[in-house]
Amino acid sequence: MSKLLRIDAVKQMTGLSRSAIYADPEFPKSVKIGQRTVAWVEAEIAAWIEARIARREAA
């Protein structure tokens, strides 16, 4: 079962600001869960973090 995270949880998990999350074209896309509400899939955020770590280690 997938868990959805709101912006504050995503910011805490990644250490990124709100603007950085929306500006990064490689960052996972949000899921609309209401008229003015979005969330992110936790597994996609975790995979993005792992990919960043792997890219650092490959360099």
Protein backbone atom coordinates (compact mmCIF):
# COMPACT_ATOMS: atom_id res chain seq x y z
CA MET A 1 0.00 0.00 0.00
CA SER A 2 1.38 3.40 -0.98
CA LYS A 3 1.52 6.25 1.48
CA LEU A 4 0.96 9.85 0.41
CA LEU A 5 3.01 12.64 1.94
CA ARG A 6 2.03 16.29 2.16
CA ILE A 7 4.54 19.06 1.42
CA ASP A 8 5.79 19.46 5.01
CA ALA A 9 6.68 15.76 5.22
CA VAL A 10 8.39 15.89 1.82
CA LYS A 11 10.40 18.94 2.87
CA GLN A 12 11.47 17.22 6.08
CA MET A 13 12.35 13.98 4.27
CA THR A 14 14.43 15.67 1.55
CA GLY A 15 15.72 18.81 3.22
CA LEU A 16 14.53 20.82 0.21
CA SER A 17 12.47 23.98 0.23
CA ARG A 18 9.00 24.12 -1.28
CA SER A 19 10.28 26.09 -4.28
CA ALA A 20 13.13 23.62 -4.88
CA ILE A 21 10.69 20.71 -4.86
CA TYR A 22 8.51 22.33 -7.51
CA ALA A 23 11.45 23.63 -9.59
CA ASP A 24 13.40 20.34 -9.93
CA PRO A 25 12.28 18.62 -13.16
CA GLU A 26 13.66 15.27 -11.91
CA PHE A 27 11.68 15.39 -8.67
CA PRO A 28 8.66 13.04 -8.55
CA LYS A 29 5.41 14.65 -9.61
CA SER A 30 2.68 15.33 -7.09
CA VAL A 31 -0.70 13.60 -6.99
CA LYS A 32 -3.80 15.76 -6.79
CA ILE A 33 -5.88 14.61 -3.80
CA GLY A 34 -8.32 17.51 -3.59
CA GLN A 35 -9.27 20.73 -5.35
CA ARG A 36 -6.29 22.59 -3.89
CA THR A 37 -4.39 19.76 -2.25
CA VAL A 38 -1.49 17.68 -3.54
CA ALA A 39 0.68 14.95 -2.07
CA TRP A 40 3.63 12.83 -3.12
CA VAL A 41 4.02 9.05 -3.12
CA GLU A 42 6.42 8.16 -0.30
CA ALA A 43 8.08 5.33 -2.28
CA GLU A 44 8.81 7.70 -5.18
CA ILE A 45 10.42 10.22 -2.83
CA ALA A 46 12.53 7.47 -1.22
CA ALA A 47 13.62 6.24 -4.68
CA TRP A 48 14.57 9.80 -5.68
CA ILE A 49 16.71 10.13 -2.55
CA GLU A 50 18.41 6.78 -3.22
CA ALA A 51 19.12 7.81 -6.82
CA ARG A 52 20.76 11.03 -5.61
CA ILE A 53 22.95 9.04 -3.21
CA ALA A 54 23.88 6.53 -5.95
CA ARG A 55 24.77 9.39 -8.33
CA ARG A 56 27.04 10.90 -5.68
CA GLU A 57 28.79 7.58 -5.06
CA ALA A 58 29.29 6.98 -8.77
CA ALA A 59 31.03 10.32 -9.22
